[in-house]
Amino acid sequence: SKEDICFLQKILLEKFNIKSSVKNESKI
């Protein structure tokens, strides 16, 4: 889901300092 994708992005940023965006609403 979009919520899960946003949650994964948050983990990437907060835990690993990896910045990301969402492409086509379904890919990080």
PDB file of all heavy atoms in Angstrom:
ATOM      1  N   SER A   1       0.846  -1.196   0.000  1.00  0.00           N
ATOM      2  CA  SER A   1       0.000   0.000   0.000  1.00  0.00           C
ATOM      3  C   SER A   1       0.882   1.247   0.000  1.00  0.00           C
ATOM      4  O   SER A   1       2.071   1.187   0.320  1.00  0.00           O
ATOM      5  CB  SER A   1      -0.894   0.012   1.241  1.00  0.00           C
ATOM      6  OG  SER A   1      -0.100   0.223   2.403  1.00  0.00           O
ATOM      7  N   LYS A   2       0.267   2.392  -0.317  1.00  0.00           N
ATOM      8  CA  LYS A   2       0.996   3.663  -0.268  1.00  0.00           C
ATOM      9  C   LYS A   2       1.537   3.924   1.132  1.00  0.00           C
ATOM     10  O   LYS A   2       2.648   4.427   1.293  1.00  0.00           O
ATOM     11  CB  LYS A   2       0.068   4.820  -0.679  1.00  0.00           C
ATOM     12  CG  LYS A   2      -0.259   4.848  -2.144  1.00  0.00           C
ATOM     13  CD  LYS A   2      -1.189   6.007  -2.462  1.00  0.00           C
ATOM     14  CE  LYS A   2      -1.614   5.969  -3.917  1.00  0.00           C
ATOM     15  NZ  LYS A   2      -2.535   7.055  -4.262  1.00  0.00           N
ATOM     16  N   GLU A   3       0.738   3.571   2.150  1.00  0.00           N
ATOM     17  CA  GLU A   3       1.164   3.776   3.536  1.00  0.00           C
ATOM     18  C   GLU A   3       2.401   2.942   3.853  1.00  0.00           C
ATOM     19  O   GLU A   3       3.332   3.427   4.502  1.00  0.00           O
ATOM     20  CB  GLU A   3       0.026   3.422   4.506  1.00  0.00           C
ATOM     21  CG  GLU A   3      -1.167   4.353   4.431  1.00  0.00           C
ATOM     22  CD  GLU A   3      -2.124   4.044   3.258  1.00  0.00           C
ATOM     23  OE1 GLU A   3      -2.079   2.921   2.685  1.00  0.00           O
ATOM     24  OE2 GLU A   3      -2.902   4.942   2.898  1.00  0.00           O
ATOM     25  N   ASP A   4       2.400   1.689   3.391  1.00  0.00           N
ATOM     26  CA  ASP A   4       3.557   0.826   3.637  1.00  0.00           C
ATOM     27  C   ASP A   4       4.795   1.329   2.909  1.00  0.00           C
ATOM     28  O   ASP A   4       5.908   1.290   3.448  1.00  0.00           O
ATOM     29  CB  ASP A   4       3.263  -0.616   3.216  1.00  0.00           C
ATOM     30  CG  ASP A   4       2.448  -1.378   4.253  1.00  0.00           C
ATOM     31  OD1 ASP A   4       2.389  -0.941   5.419  1.00  0.00           O
ATOM     32  OD2 ASP A   4       1.883  -2.434   3.897  1.00  0.00           O
ATOM     33  N   ILE A   5       4.609   1.827   1.701  1.00  0.00           N
ATOM     34  CA  ILE A   5       5.741   2.365   0.934  1.00  0.00           C
ATOM     35  C   ILE A   5       6.317   3.585   1.651  1.00  0.00           C
ATOM     36  O   ILE A   5       7.542   3.710   1.792  1.00  0.00           O
ATOM     37  CB  ILE A   5       5.322   2.688  -0.517  1.00  0.00           C
ATOM     38  CG1 ILE A   5       4.960   1.397  -1.261  1.00  0.00           C
ATOM     39  CG2 ILE A   5       6.437   3.435  -1.249  1.00  0.00           C
ATOM     40  CD1 ILE A   5       4.289   1.613  -2.612  1.00  0.00           C
ATOM     41  N   CYS A   6       5.460   4.446   2.137  1.00  0.00           N
ATOM     42  CA  CYS A   6       5.928   5.625   2.895  1.00  0.00           C
ATOM     43  C   CYS A   6       6.641   5.198   4.173  1.00  0.00           C
ATOM     44  O   CYS A   6       7.652   5.794   4.558  1.00  0.00           O
ATOM     45  CB  CYS A   6       4.761   6.543   3.226  1.00  0.00           C
ATOM     46  SG  CYS A   6       4.103   7.410   1.787  1.00  0.00           S
ATOM     47  N   PHE A   7       6.127   4.165   4.820  1.00  0.00           N
ATOM     48  CA  PHE A   7       6.754   3.644   6.030  1.00  0.00           C
ATOM     49  C   PHE A   7       8.148   3.100   5.719  1.00  0.00           C
ATOM     50  O   PHE A   7       9.105   3.346   6.454  1.00  0.00           O
ATOM     51  CB  PHE A   7       5.864   2.573   6.655  1.00  0.00           C
ATOM     52  CG  PHE A   7       6.415   1.968   7.919  1.00  0.00           C
ATOM     53  CD1 PHE A   7       6.693   2.752   9.030  1.00  0.00           C
ATOM     54  CD2 PHE A   7       6.642   0.607   7.991  1.00  0.00           C
ATOM     55  CE1 PHE A   7       7.203   2.192  10.187  1.00  0.00           C
ATOM     56  CE2 PHE A   7       7.147   0.038   9.143  1.00  0.00           C
ATOM     57  CZ  PHE A   7       7.426   0.828  10.250  1.00  0.00           C
ATOM     58  N   LEU A   8       8.303   2.380   4.606  1.00  0.00           N
ATOM     59  CA  LEU A   8       9.610   1.867   4.196  1.00  0.00           C
ATOM     60  C   LEU A   8      10.572   3.017   3.897  1.00  0.00           C
ATOM     61  O   LEU A   8      11.747   2.967   4.277  1.00  0.00           O
ATOM     62  CB  LEU A   8       9.469   0.941   2.983  1.00  0.00           C
ATOM     63  CG  LEU A   8       8.844  -0.426   3.270  1.00  0.00           C
ATOM     64  CD1 LEU A   8       8.452  -1.121   1.970  1.00  0.00           C
ATOM     65  CD2 LEU A   8       9.792  -1.285   4.095  1.00  0.00           C
ATOM     66  N   GLN A   9      10.077   4.057   3.244  1.00  0.00           N
ATOM     67  CA  GLN A   9      10.905   5.238   2.991  1.00  0.00           C
ATOM     68  C   GLN A   9      11.379   5.865   4.301  1.00  0.00           C
ATOM     69  O   GLN A   9      12.540   6.270   4.415  1.00  0.00           O
ATOM     70  CB  GLN A   9      10.103   6.289   2.219  1.00  0.00           C
ATOM     71  CG  GLN A   9       9.994   6.033   0.752  1.00  0.00           C
ATOM     72  CD  GLN A   9       9.335   7.235   0.100  1.00  0.00           C
ATOM     73  OE1 GLN A   9       8.115   7.388   0.174  1.00  0.00           O
ATOM     74  NE2 GLN A   9      10.137   8.077  -0.513  1.00  0.00           N
ATOM     75  N   LYS A  10      10.486   5.933   5.263  1.00  0.00           N
ATOM     76  CA  LYS A  10      10.823   6.509   6.564  1.00  0.00           C
ATOM     77  C   LYS A  10      11.917   5.687   7.239  1.00  0.00           C
ATOM     78  O   LYS A  10      12.864   6.246   7.802  1.00  0.00           O
ATOM     79  CB  LYS A  10       9.561   6.554   7.435  1.00  0.00           C
ATOM     80  CG  LYS A  10       9.767   7.174   8.790  1.00  0.00           C
ATOM     81  CD  LYS A  10       8.457   7.205   9.564  1.00  0.00           C
ATOM     82  CE  LYS A  10       8.720   7.741  10.960  1.00  0.00           C
ATOM     83  NZ  LYS A  10       7.539   7.679  11.811  1.00  0.00           N
ATOM     84  N   ILE A  11      11.818   4.361   7.174  1.00  0.00           N
ATOM     85  CA  ILE A  11      12.854   3.500   7.759  1.00  0.00           C
ATOM     86  C   ILE A  11      14.184   3.729   7.050  1.00  0.00           C
ATOM     87  O   ILE A  11      15.231   3.850   7.708  1.00  0.00           O
ATOM     88  CB  ILE A  11      12.454   2.010   7.663  1.00  0.00           C
ATOM     89  CG1 ILE A  11      11.244   1.726   8.551  1.00  0.00           C
ATOM     90  CG2 ILE A  11      13.623   1.109   8.058  1.00  0.00           C
ATOM     91  CD1 ILE A  11      10.647   0.344   8.357  1.00  0.00           C
ATOM     92  N   LEU A  12      14.151   3.782   5.717  1.00  0.00           N
ATOM     93  CA  LEU A  12      15.388   4.010   4.961  1.00  0.00           C
ATOM     94  C   LEU A  12      16.064   5.308   5.388  1.00  0.00           C
ATOM     95  O   LEU A  12      17.277   5.360   5.562  1.00  0.00           O
ATOM     96  CB  LEU A  12      15.107   4.024   3.454  1.00  0.00           C
ATOM     97  CG  LEU A  12      14.744   2.689   2.817  1.00  0.00           C
ATOM     98  CD1 LEU A  12      14.324   2.896   1.358  1.00  0.00           C
ATOM     99  CD2 LEU A  12      15.899   1.711   2.906  1.00  0.00           C
ATOM    100  N   LEU A  13      15.268   6.342   5.565  1.00  0.00           N
ATOM    101  CA  LEU A  13      15.819   7.644   5.935  1.00  0.00           C
ATOM    102  C   LEU A  13      16.301   7.666   7.389  1.00  0.00           C
ATOM    103  O   LEU A  13      17.432   8.055   7.673  1.00  0.00           O
ATOM    104  CB  LEU A  13      14.783   8.748   5.703  1.00  0.00           C
ATOM    105  CG  LEU A  13      15.253  10.159   5.990  1.00  0.00           C
ATOM    106  CD1 LEU A  13      16.436  10.552   5.102  1.00  0.00           C
ATOM    107  CD2 LEU A  13      14.106  11.146   5.804  1.00  0.00           C
ATOM    108  N   GLU A  14      15.435   7.235   8.313  1.00  0.00           N
ATOM    109  CA  GLU A  14      15.759   7.356   9.735  1.00  0.00           C
ATOM    110  C   GLU A  14      16.826   6.369  10.193  1.00  0.00           C
ATOM    111  O   GLU A  14      17.660   6.710  11.028  1.00  0.00           O
ATOM    112  CB  GLU A  14      14.493   7.203  10.577  1.00  0.00           C
ATOM    113  CG  GLU A  14      13.548   8.372  10.411  1.00  0.00           C
ATOM    114  CD  GLU A  14      12.263   8.230  11.203  1.00  0.00           C
ATOM    115  OE1 GLU A  14      12.063   7.200  11.900  1.00  0.00           O
ATOM    116  OE2 GLU A  14      11.437   9.158  11.126  1.00  0.00           O
ATOM    117  N   LYS A  15      16.798   5.163   9.670  1.00  0.00           N
ATOM    118  CA  LYS A  15      17.755   4.160  10.142  1.00  0.00           C
ATOM    119  C   LYS A  15      19.065   4.181   9.358  1.00  0.00           C
ATOM    120  O   LYS A  15      20.129   3.973   9.920  1.00  0.00           O
ATOM    121  CB  LYS A  15      17.140   2.761  10.058  1.00  0.00           C
ATOM    122  CG  LYS A  15      18.089   1.707  10.573  1.00  0.00           C
ATOM    123  CD  LYS A  15      17.436   0.422  10.917  1.00  0.00           C
ATOM    124  CE  LYS A  15      18.491  -0.476  11.556  1.00  0.00           C
ATOM    125  NZ  LYS A  15      17.962  -1.704  12.028  1.00  0.00           N
ATOM    126  N   PHE A  16      18.977   4.444   8.046  1.00  0.00           N
ATOM    127  CA  PHE A  16      20.168   4.326   7.203  1.00  0.00           C
ATOM    128  C   PHE A  16      20.608   5.643   6.559  1.00  0.00           C
ATOM    129  O   PHE A  16      21.598   5.672   5.845  1.00  0.00           O
ATOM    130  CB  PHE A  16      19.924   3.297   6.090  1.00  0.00           C
ATOM    131  CG  PHE A  16      19.580   1.928   6.592  1.00  0.00           C
ATOM    132  CD1 PHE A  16      18.290   1.429   6.475  1.00  0.00           C
ATOM    133  CD2 PHE A  16      20.537   1.125   7.183  1.00  0.00           C
ATOM    134  CE1 PHE A  16      17.971   0.163   6.921  1.00  0.00           C
ATOM    135  CE2 PHE A  16      20.232  -0.150   7.638  1.00  0.00           C
ATOM    136  CZ  PHE A  16      18.944  -0.628   7.508  1.00  0.00           C
ATOM    137  N   ASN A  17      19.823   6.709   6.757  1.00  0.00           N
ATOM    138  CA  ASN A  17      20.095   7.999   6.119  1.00  0.00           C
ATOM    139  C   ASN A  17      20.090   7.880   4.582  1.00  0.00           C
ATOM    140  O   ASN A  17      20.916   8.480   3.899  1.00  0.00           O
ATOM    141  CB  ASN A  17      21.400   8.616   6.622  1.00  0.00           C
ATOM    142  CG  ASN A  17      21.478  10.089   6.288  1.00  0.00           C
ATOM    143  OD1 ASN A  17      20.463  10.783   6.215  1.00  0.00           O
ATOM    144  ND2 ASN A  17      22.688  10.579   6.063  1.00  0.00           N
ATOM    145  N   ILE A  18      19.157   7.094   4.085  1.00  0.00           N
ATOM    146  CA  ILE A  18      18.997   6.910   2.640  1.00  0.00           C
ATOM    147  C   ILE A  18      17.765   7.690   2.201  1.00  0.00           C
ATOM    148  O   ILE A  18      16.647   7.408   2.637  1.00  0.00           O
ATOM    149  CB  ILE A  18      18.855   5.418   2.276  1.00  0.00           C
ATOM    150  CG1 ILE A  18      20.139   4.671   2.623  1.00  0.00           C
ATOM    151  CG2 ILE A  18      18.502   5.242   0.808  1.00  0.00           C
ATOM    152  CD1 ILE A  18      20.045   3.167   2.505  1.00  0.00           C
ATOM    153  N   LYS A  19      17.997   8.672   1.338  1.00  0.00           N
ATOM    154  CA  LYS A  19      16.903   9.489   0.825  1.00  0.00           C
ATOM    155  C   LYS A  19      16.319   8.808  -0.400  1.00  0.00           C
ATOM    156  O   LYS A  19      17.045   8.240  -1.225  1.00  0.00           O
ATOM    157  CB  LYS A  19      17.409  10.884   0.478  1.00  0.00           C
ATOM    158  CG  LYS A  19      17.898  11.637   1.692  1.00  0.00           C
ATOM    159  CD  LYS A  19      18.488  12.966   1.340  1.00  0.00           C
ATOM    160  CE  LYS A  19      18.998  13.619   2.615  1.00  0.00           C
ATOM    161  NZ  LYS A  19      19.962  14.650   2.357  1.00  0.00           N
ATOM    162  N   SER A  20      14.990   8.877  -0.507  1.00  0.00           N
ATOM    163  CA  SER A  20      14.314   8.217  -1.625  1.00  0.00           C
ATOM    164  C   SER A  20      13.074   8.998  -2.025  1.00  0.00           C
ATOM    165  O   SER A  20      12.637   9.907  -1.326  1.00  0.00           O
ATOM    166  CB  SER A  20      13.922   6.789  -1.233  1.00  0.00           C
ATOM    167  OG  SER A  20      12.990   6.806  -0.167  1.00  0.00           O
ATOM    168  N   SER A  21      12.532   8.603  -3.155  1.00  0.00           N
ATOM    169  CA  SER A  21      11.257   9.153  -3.609  1.00  0.00           C
ATOM    170  C   SER A  21      10.433   7.980  -4.114  1.00  0.00           C
ATOM    171  O   SER A  21      10.924   6.858  -4.222  1.00  0.00           O
ATOM    172  CB  SER A  21      11.482  10.189  -4.713  1.00  0.00           C
ATOM    173  OG  SER A  21      12.150   9.602  -5.810  1.00  0.00           O
ATOM    174  N   VAL A  22       9.173   8.251  -4.427  1.00  0.00           N
ATOM    175  CA  VAL A  22       8.302   7.196  -4.943  1.00  0.00           C
ATOM    176  C   VAL A  22       8.064   7.458  -6.412  1.00  0.00           C
ATOM    177  O   VAL A  22       7.703   8.564  -6.810  1.00  0.00           O
ATOM    178  CB  VAL A  22       6.970   7.143  -4.170  1.00  0.00           C
ATOM    179  CG1 VAL A  22       6.052   6.079  -4.754  1.00  0.00           C
ATOM    180  CG2 VAL A  22       7.222   6.863  -2.699  1.00  0.00           C
ATOM    181  N   LYS A  23       8.284   6.421  -7.208  1.00  0.00           N
ATOM    182  CA  LYS A  23       8.108   6.514  -8.657  1.00  0.00           C
ATOM    183  C   LYS A  23       6.850   5.734  -9.040  1.00  0.00           C
ATOM    184  O   LYS A  23       6.674   4.588  -8.619  1.00  0.00           O
ATOM    185  CB  LYS A  23       9.335   5.913  -9.348  1.00  0.00           C
ATOM    186  CG  LYS A  23       9.256   5.907 -10.845  1.00  0.00           C
ATOM    187  CD  LYS A  23      10.451   5.207 -11.447  1.00  0.00           C
ATOM    188  CE  LYS A  23      10.248   5.153 -12.947  1.00  0.00           C
ATOM    189  NZ  LYS A  23      11.157   4.256 -13.597  1.00  0.00           N
ATOM    190  N   ASN A  24       5.995   6.346  -9.812  1.00  0.00           N
ATOM    191  CA  ASN A  24       4.760   5.704 -10.291  1.00  0.00           C
ATOM    192  C   ASN A  24       3.919   5.114  -9.161  1.00  0.00           C
ATOM    193  O   ASN A  24       3.243   4.112  -9.347  1.00  0.00           O
ATOM    194  CB  ASN A  24       5.079   4.598 -11.309  1.00  0.00           C
ATOM    195  CG  ASN A  24       5.797   5.127 -12.519  1.00  0.00           C
ATOM    196  OD1 ASN A  24       5.681   6.297 -12.866  1.00  0.00           O
ATOM    197  ND2 ASN A  24       6.566   4.273 -13.170  1.00  0.00           N
ATOM    198  N   GLU A  25       3.987   5.699  -7.996  1.00  0.00           N
ATOM    199  CA  GLU A  25       3.223   5.283  -6.820  1.00  0.00           C
ATOM    200  C   GLU A  25       3.487   3.854  -6.378  1.00  0.00           C
ATOM    201  O   GLU A  25       2.791   3.322  -5.520  1.00  0.00           O
ATOM    202  CB  GLU A  25       1.712   5.470  -7.058  1.00  0.00           C
ATOM    203  CG  GLU A  25       1.303   6.905  -7.282  1.00  0.00           C
ATOM    204  CD  GLU A  25      -0.198   7.074  -7.399  1.00  0.00           C
ATOM    205  OE1 GLU A  25      -0.946   6.147  -7.047  1.00  0.00           O
ATOM    206  OE2 GLU A  25      -0.610   8.155  -7.846  1.00  0.00           O
ATOM    207  N   SER A  26       4.485   3.173  -6.974  1.00  0.00           N
ATOM    208  CA  SER A  26       4.670   1.771  -6.608  1.00  0.00           C
ATOM    209  C   SER A  26       6.125   1.323  -6.530  1.00  0.00           C
ATOM    210  O   SER A  26       6.385   0.146  -6.322  1.00  0.00           O
ATOM    211  CB  SER A  26       3.928   0.872  -7.597  1.00  0.00           C
ATOM    212  OG  SER A  26       4.491   1.018  -8.885  1.00  0.00           O
ATOM    213  N   LYS A  27       7.053   2.239  -6.688  1.00  0.00           N
ATOM    214  CA  LYS A  27       8.454   1.875  -6.638  1.00  0.00           C
ATOM    215  C   LYS A  27       9.223   2.910  -5.821  1.00  0.00           C
ATOM    216  O   LYS A  27       8.981   4.097  -5.950  1.00  0.00           O
ATOM    217  CB  LYS A  27       9.039   1.788  -8.044  1.00  0.00           C
ATOM    218  CG  LYS A  27       8.410   0.661  -8.871  1.00  0.00           C
ATOM    219  CD  LYS A  27       8.934   0.670 -10.272  1.00  0.00           C
ATOM    220  CE  LYS A  27       8.292  -0.334 -11.195  1.00  0.00           C
ATOM    221  NZ  LYS A  27       7.234  -1.161 -10.745  1.00  0.00           N
ATOM    222  N   ILE A  28      10.135   2.417  -4.997  1.00  0.00           N
ATOM    223  CA  ILE A  28      10.990   3.322  -4.241  1.00  0.00           C
ATOM    224  C   ILE A  28      12.238   3.573  -5.072  1.00  0.00           C
ATOM    225  O   ILE A  28      12.895   2.643  -5.522  1.00  0.00           O
ATOM    226  CB  ILE A  28      11.361   2.737  -2.865  1.00  0.00           C
ATOM    227  CG1 ILE A  28      10.101   2.658  -1.986  1.00  0.00           C
ATOM    228  CG2 ILE A  28      12.442   3.583  -2.200  1.00  0.00           C
ATOM    229  CD1 ILE A  28      10.332   2.040  -0.634  1.00  0.00           C
TER     230      ILE A  28
END
